């Protein structure tokens, strides 16, 4: 087992930052034909995949995807105009609205993944010889830890 050292942590942090930026840029290019930015995609993906009974408030979505509340409000309004979400008043909080994904959101998300699939296959195929399942498991572990220990 490898011992954690300052230089190893610095190297991992540096590469995680670089990979994150490069991947976000790539996703932006792949999402552009669908009229979405990576931030908008993360909101659409969250609302569509994390369907909660009764919907999700704008503030819940903002916290989950780490996007400012005004941006989530603007994006969900855009999605409502496109028929991707339904927005309704909160039953007990007049200041809040609840967002629900529609079947059109499912369709669009499926089309996006189908269109991005060949490129993303190439991306992850670049891990030649690596155990991709171990890599995916480690990413999930790191993501869950970061989610549970937000600053």
C-alpha atoms as a PDB file:
ATOM      1  CA  UNK A   1       0.000   0.000   0.000  1.00  0.00           C
ATOM      2  CA  UNK A   2       1.284   3.435  -0.930  1.00  0.00           C
ATOM      3  CA  UNK A   3       1.889   5.901   1.886  1.00  0.00           C
ATOM      4  CA  UNK A   4       0.376   9.336   1.478  1.00  0.00           C
ATOM      5  CA  UNK A   5       2.994  12.059   1.290  1.00  0.00           C
ATOM      6  CA  UNK A   6       2.795  15.786   0.644  1.00  0.00           C
ATOM      7  CA  UNK A   7       4.255  15.477  -2.868  1.00  0.00           C
ATOM      8  CA  UNK A   8       1.863  12.613  -3.775  1.00  0.00           C
ATOM      9  CA  UNK A   9      -1.135  14.603  -2.513  1.00  0.00           C
ATOM     10  CA  UNK A  10       0.089  17.648  -4.479  1.00  0.00           C
ATOM     11  CA  UNK A  11       0.478  15.550  -7.637  1.00  0.00           C
ATOM     12  CA  UNK A  12      -2.996  14.003  -7.267  1.00  0.00           C
ATOM     13  CA  UNK A  13      -4.550  17.419  -6.575  1.00  0.00           C
ATOM     14  CA  UNK A  14      -2.824  18.990  -9.558  1.00  0.00           C
ATOM     15  CA  UNK A  15      -3.892  16.235 -11.947  1.00  0.00           C
ATOM     16  CA  UNK A  16      -7.440  16.173 -10.594  1.00  0.00           C
ATOM     17  CA  UNK A  17      -7.687  19.914 -11.273  1.00  0.00           C
ATOM     18  CA  UNK A  18      -6.214  19.599 -14.777  1.00  0.00           C
ATOM     19  CA  UNK A  19      -8.421  16.632 -15.678  1.00  0.00           C
ATOM     20  CA  UNK A  20     -11.502  18.407 -14.321  1.00  0.00           C
ATOM     21  CA  UNK A  21     -10.875  21.482 -16.465  1.00  0.00           C
ATOM     22  CA  UNK A  22     -10.052  19.485 -19.594  1.00  0.00           C
ATOM     23  CA  UNK A  23     -13.107  17.264 -19.158  1.00  0.00           C
ATOM     24  CA  UNK A  24     -15.407  20.249 -18.549  1.00  0.00           C
ATOM     25  CA  UNK A  25     -14.126  21.923 -21.722  1.00  0.00           C
ATOM     26  CA  UNK A  26     -14.666  18.710 -23.692  1.00  0.00           C
ATOM     27  CA  UNK A  27     -18.190  18.357 -22.292  1.00  0.00           C
ATOM     28  CA  UNK A  28     -18.930  21.960 -23.276  1.00  0.00           C
ATOM     29  CA  UNK A  29     -18.011  21.197 -26.867  1.00  0.00           C
ATOM     30  CA  UNK A  30     -20.060  17.977 -26.878  1.00  0.00           C
ATOM     31  CA  UNK A  31     -23.098  19.680 -25.303  1.00  0.00           C
ATOM     32  CA  UNK A  32     -23.070  22.777 -27.546  1.00  0.00           C
ATOM     33  CA  UNK A  33     -25.064  21.106 -30.372  1.00  0.00           C
ATOM     34  CA  UNK A  34     -27.793  20.420 -27.801  1.00  0.00           C
ATOM     35  CA  UNK A  35     -27.866  24.059 -26.669  1.00  0.00           C
ATOM     36  CA  UNK A  36     -26.567  23.289 -23.174  1.00  0.00           C
ATOM     37  CA  UNK A  37     -23.563  24.320 -21.114  1.00  0.00           C
ATOM     38  CA  UNK A  38     -21.945  21.886 -18.659  1.00  0.00           C
ATOM     39  CA  UNK A  39     -23.672  23.702 -15.750  1.00  0.00           C
ATOM     40  CA  UNK A  40     -27.063  23.467 -17.440  1.00  0.00           C
ATOM     41  CA  UNK A  41     -26.414  19.807 -18.206  1.00  0.00           C
ATOM     42  CA  UNK A  42     -25.581  19.102 -14.558  1.00  0.00           C
ATOM     43  CA  UNK A  43     -28.899  20.682 -13.525  1.00  0.00           C
ATOM     44  CA  UNK A  44     -30.850  18.731 -16.160  1.00  0.00           C
ATOM     45  CA  UNK A  45     -29.074  15.508 -15.255  1.00  0.00           C
ATOM     46  CA  UNK A  46     -29.722  16.002 -11.538  1.00  0.00           C
ATOM     47  CA  UNK A  47     -33.410  16.891 -11.917  1.00  0.00           C
ATOM     48  CA  UNK A  48     -33.987  14.004 -14.317  1.00  0.00           C
ATOM     49  CA  UNK A  49     -32.025  11.322 -12.484  1.00  0.00           C
ATOM     50  CA  UNK A  50     -32.807  12.353  -8.894  1.00  0.00           C
ATOM     51  CA  UNK A  51     -36.579  12.479  -9.093  1.00  0.00           C
ATOM     52  CA  UNK A  52     -37.906  13.093  -5.604  1.00  0.00           C
ATOM     53  CA  UNK A  53     -41.539  12.627  -4.636  1.00  0.00           C
ATOM     54  CA  UNK A  54     -43.084  16.084  -4.787  1.00  0.00           C
ATOM     55  CA  UNK A  55     -40.217  17.533  -6.855  1.00  0.00           C
ATOM     56  CA  UNK A  56     -37.171  19.531  -5.821  1.00  0.00           C
ATOM     57  CA  UNK A  57     -36.899  23.164  -4.840  1.00  0.00           C
ATOM     58  CA  UNK A  58     -34.565  25.523  -6.653  1.00  0.00           C
ATOM     59  CA  UNK A  59     -32.425  25.782  -3.513  1.00  0.00           C
ATOM     60  CA  UNK A  60     -32.175  21.974  -3.201  1.00  0.00           C
ATOM     61  CA  UNK A  61     -31.023  21.746  -6.814  1.00  0.00           C
ATOM     62  CA  UNK A  62     -28.520  24.599  -6.327  1.00  0.00           C
ATOM     63  CA  UNK A  63     -26.956  22.876  -3.319  1.00  0.00           C
ATOM     64  CA  UNK A  64     -26.824  19.488  -5.035  1.00  0.00           C
ATOM     65  CA  UNK A  65     -25.106  20.687  -8.221  1.00  0.00           C
ATOM     66  CA  UNK A  66     -23.117  23.526  -6.598  1.00  0.00           C
ATOM     67  CA  UNK A  67     -24.516  26.232  -8.858  1.00  0.00           C
ATOM     68  CA  UNK A  68     -25.765  29.576  -7.537  1.00  0.00           C
ATOM     69  CA  UNK A  69     -29.514  29.799  -6.970  1.00  0.00           C
ATOM     70  CA  UNK A  70     -30.149  32.589  -9.554  1.00  0.00           C
ATOM     71  CA  UNK A  71     -28.463  30.459 -12.236  1.00  0.00           C
ATOM     72  CA  UNK A  72     -30.656  27.476 -11.317  1.00  0.00           C
ATOM     73  CA  UNK A  73     -33.759  29.696 -11.462  1.00  0.00           C
ATOM     74  CA  UNK A  74     -32.775  30.988 -14.919  1.00  0.00           C
ATOM     75  CA  UNK A  75     -31.892  27.511 -16.181  1.00  0.00           C
ATOM     76  CA  UNK A  76     -35.080  25.876 -14.925  1.00  0.00           C
ATOM     77  CA  UNK A  77     -37.106  28.668 -16.564  1.00  0.00           C
ATOM     78  CA  UNK A  78     -35.303  27.879 -19.840  1.00  0.00           C
ATOM     79  CA  UNK A  79     -36.026  24.182 -19.322  1.00  0.00           C
ATOM     80  CA  UNK A  80     -39.693  24.937 -18.641  1.00  0.00           C
ATOM     81  CA  UNK A  81     -39.925  26.848 -21.941  1.00  0.00           C
ATOM     82  CA  UNK A  82     -38.381  23.832 -23.690  1.00  0.00           C
ATOM     83  CA  UNK A  83     -40.819  21.428 -22.031  1.00  0.00           C
ATOM     84  CA  UNK A  84     -38.048  19.699 -20.061  1.00  0.00           C
ATOM     85  CA  UNK A  85     -39.404  20.507 -16.608  1.00  0.00           C
ATOM     86  CA  UNK A  86     -42.659  21.428 -14.959  1.00  0.00           C
ATOM     87  CA  UNK A  87     -42.486  24.106 -12.253  1.00  0.00           C
ATOM     88  CA  UNK A  88     -45.227  24.420  -9.686  1.00  0.00           C
ATOM     89  CA  UNK A  89     -45.727  26.374  -6.463  1.00  0.00           C
ATOM     90  CA  UNK A  90     -44.606  24.760  -3.223  1.00  0.00           C
ATOM     91  CA  UNK A  91     -47.734  23.696  -1.279  1.00  0.00           C
ATOM     92  CA  UNK A  92     -46.603  25.194   2.045  1.00  0.00           C
ATOM     93  CA  UNK A  93     -43.941  27.789   1.140  1.00  0.00           C
ATOM     94  CA  UNK A  94     -45.251  30.541  -1.136  1.00  0.00           C
ATOM     95  CA  UNK A  95     -41.687  31.745  -1.816  1.00  0.00           C
ATOM     96  CA  UNK A  96     -40.576  28.378  -3.189  1.00  0.00           C
ATOM     97  CA  UNK A  97     -41.273  26.478  -6.395  1.00  0.00           C
ATOM     98  CA  UNK A  98     -40.907  22.771  -7.084  1.00  0.00           C
ATOM     99  CA  UNK A  99     -39.262  21.411 -10.218  1.00  0.00           C
ATOM    100  CA  UNK A 100     -40.260  18.134 -11.884  1.00  0.00           C
ATOM    101  CA  UNK A 101     -38.555  16.574 -14.912  1.00  0.00           C
ATOM    102  CA  UNK A 102     -40.766  15.650 -17.871  1.00  0.00           C
ATOM    103  CA  UNK A 103     -40.602  12.766 -20.318  1.00  0.00           C
ATOM    104  CA  UNK A 104     -39.005  15.216 -22.771  1.00  0.00           C
ATOM    105  CA  UNK A 105     -36.092  15.650 -20.337  1.00  0.00           C
ATOM    106  CA  UNK A 106     -35.590  11.875 -20.318  1.00  0.00           C
ATOM    107  CA  UNK A 107     -35.648  11.831 -24.119  1.00  0.00           C
ATOM    108  CA  UNK A 108     -33.146  14.688 -24.421  1.00  0.00           C
ATOM    109  CA  UNK A 109     -30.802  13.186 -21.843  1.00  0.00           C
ATOM    110  CA  UNK A 110     -30.877   9.865 -23.707  1.00  0.00           C
ATOM    111  CA  UNK A 111     -30.121  11.602 -27.005  1.00  0.00           C
ATOM    112  CA  UNK A 112     -27.240  13.555 -25.437  1.00  0.00           C
ATOM    113  CA  UNK A 113     -25.674  10.390 -24.021  1.00  0.00           C
ATOM    114  CA  UNK A 114     -26.123   8.615 -27.347  1.00  0.00           C
ATOM    115  CA  UNK A 115     -24.436  11.485 -29.203  1.00  0.00           C
ATOM    116  CA  UNK A 116     -21.582  11.793 -26.685  1.00  0.00           C
ATOM    117  CA  UNK A 117     -21.108   8.045 -26.347  1.00  0.00           C
ATOM    118  CA  UNK A 118     -18.510   7.484 -29.067  1.00  0.00           C
ATOM    119  CA  UNK A 119     -16.330  10.339 -27.831  1.00  0.00           C
ATOM    120  CA  UNK A 120     -16.612   9.348 -24.171  1.00  0.00           C
ATOM    121  CA  UNK A 121     -15.788   5.762 -25.113  1.00  0.00           C
ATOM    122  CA  UNK A 122     -12.525   7.042 -26.644  1.00  0.00           C
ATOM    123  CA  UNK A 123     -11.830   9.131 -23.539  1.00  0.00           C
ATOM    124  CA  UNK A 124     -12.108   6.216 -21.147  1.00  0.00           C
ATOM    125  CA  UNK A 125     -10.501   3.784 -23.559  1.00  0.00           C
ATOM    126  CA  UNK A 126      -7.377   5.945 -23.134  1.00  0.00           C
ATOM    127  CA  UNK A 127      -6.934   4.315 -19.731  1.00  0.00           C
ATOM    128  CA  UNK A 128      -5.378   1.472 -21.682  1.00  0.00           C
ATOM    129  CA  UNK A 129      -4.597  -1.490 -19.481  1.00  0.00           C
ATOM    130  CA  UNK A 130      -6.131   0.109 -16.407  1.00  0.00           C
ATOM    131  CA  UNK A 131      -8.934  -1.535 -14.512  1.00  0.00           C
ATOM    132  CA  UNK A 132     -11.746   0.875 -15.399  1.00  0.00           C
ATOM    133  CA  UNK A 133     -14.069  -0.637 -12.775  1.00  0.00           C
ATOM    134  CA  UNK A 134     -11.533   0.090 -10.024  1.00  0.00           C
ATOM    135  CA  UNK A 135     -11.100   3.612 -11.425  1.00  0.00           C
ATOM    136  CA  UNK A 136     -14.882   4.171 -11.463  1.00  0.00           C
ATOM    137  CA  UNK A 137     -15.170   2.826  -7.925  1.00  0.00           C
ATOM    138  CA  UNK A 138     -12.412   5.154  -6.695  1.00  0.00           C
ATOM    139  CA  UNK A 139     -14.066   8.144  -8.407  1.00  0.00           C
ATOM    140  CA  UNK A 140     -17.392   7.293  -6.715  1.00  0.00           C
ATOM    141  CA  UNK A 141     -15.686   6.943  -3.342  1.00  0.00           C
ATOM    142  CA  UNK A 142     -13.950  10.307  -3.759  1.00  0.00           C
ATOM    143  CA  UNK A 143     -17.129  11.961  -5.031  1.00  0.00           C
ATOM    144  CA  UNK A 144     -19.210  10.659  -2.140  1.00  0.00           C
ATOM    145  CA  UNK A 145     -16.604  11.764   0.399  1.00  0.00           C
ATOM    146  CA  UNK A 146     -16.422  15.250  -1.135  1.00  0.00           C
ATOM    147  CA  UNK A 147     -20.241  15.451  -1.230  1.00  0.00           C
ATOM    148  CA  UNK A 148     -20.530  14.490   2.448  1.00  0.00           C
ATOM    149  CA  UNK A 149     -17.714  16.831   3.492  1.00  0.00           C
ATOM    150  CA  UNK A 150     -18.478  19.996   1.544  1.00  0.00           C
ATOM    151  CA  UNK A 151     -16.748  23.201   2.629  1.00  0.00           C
END
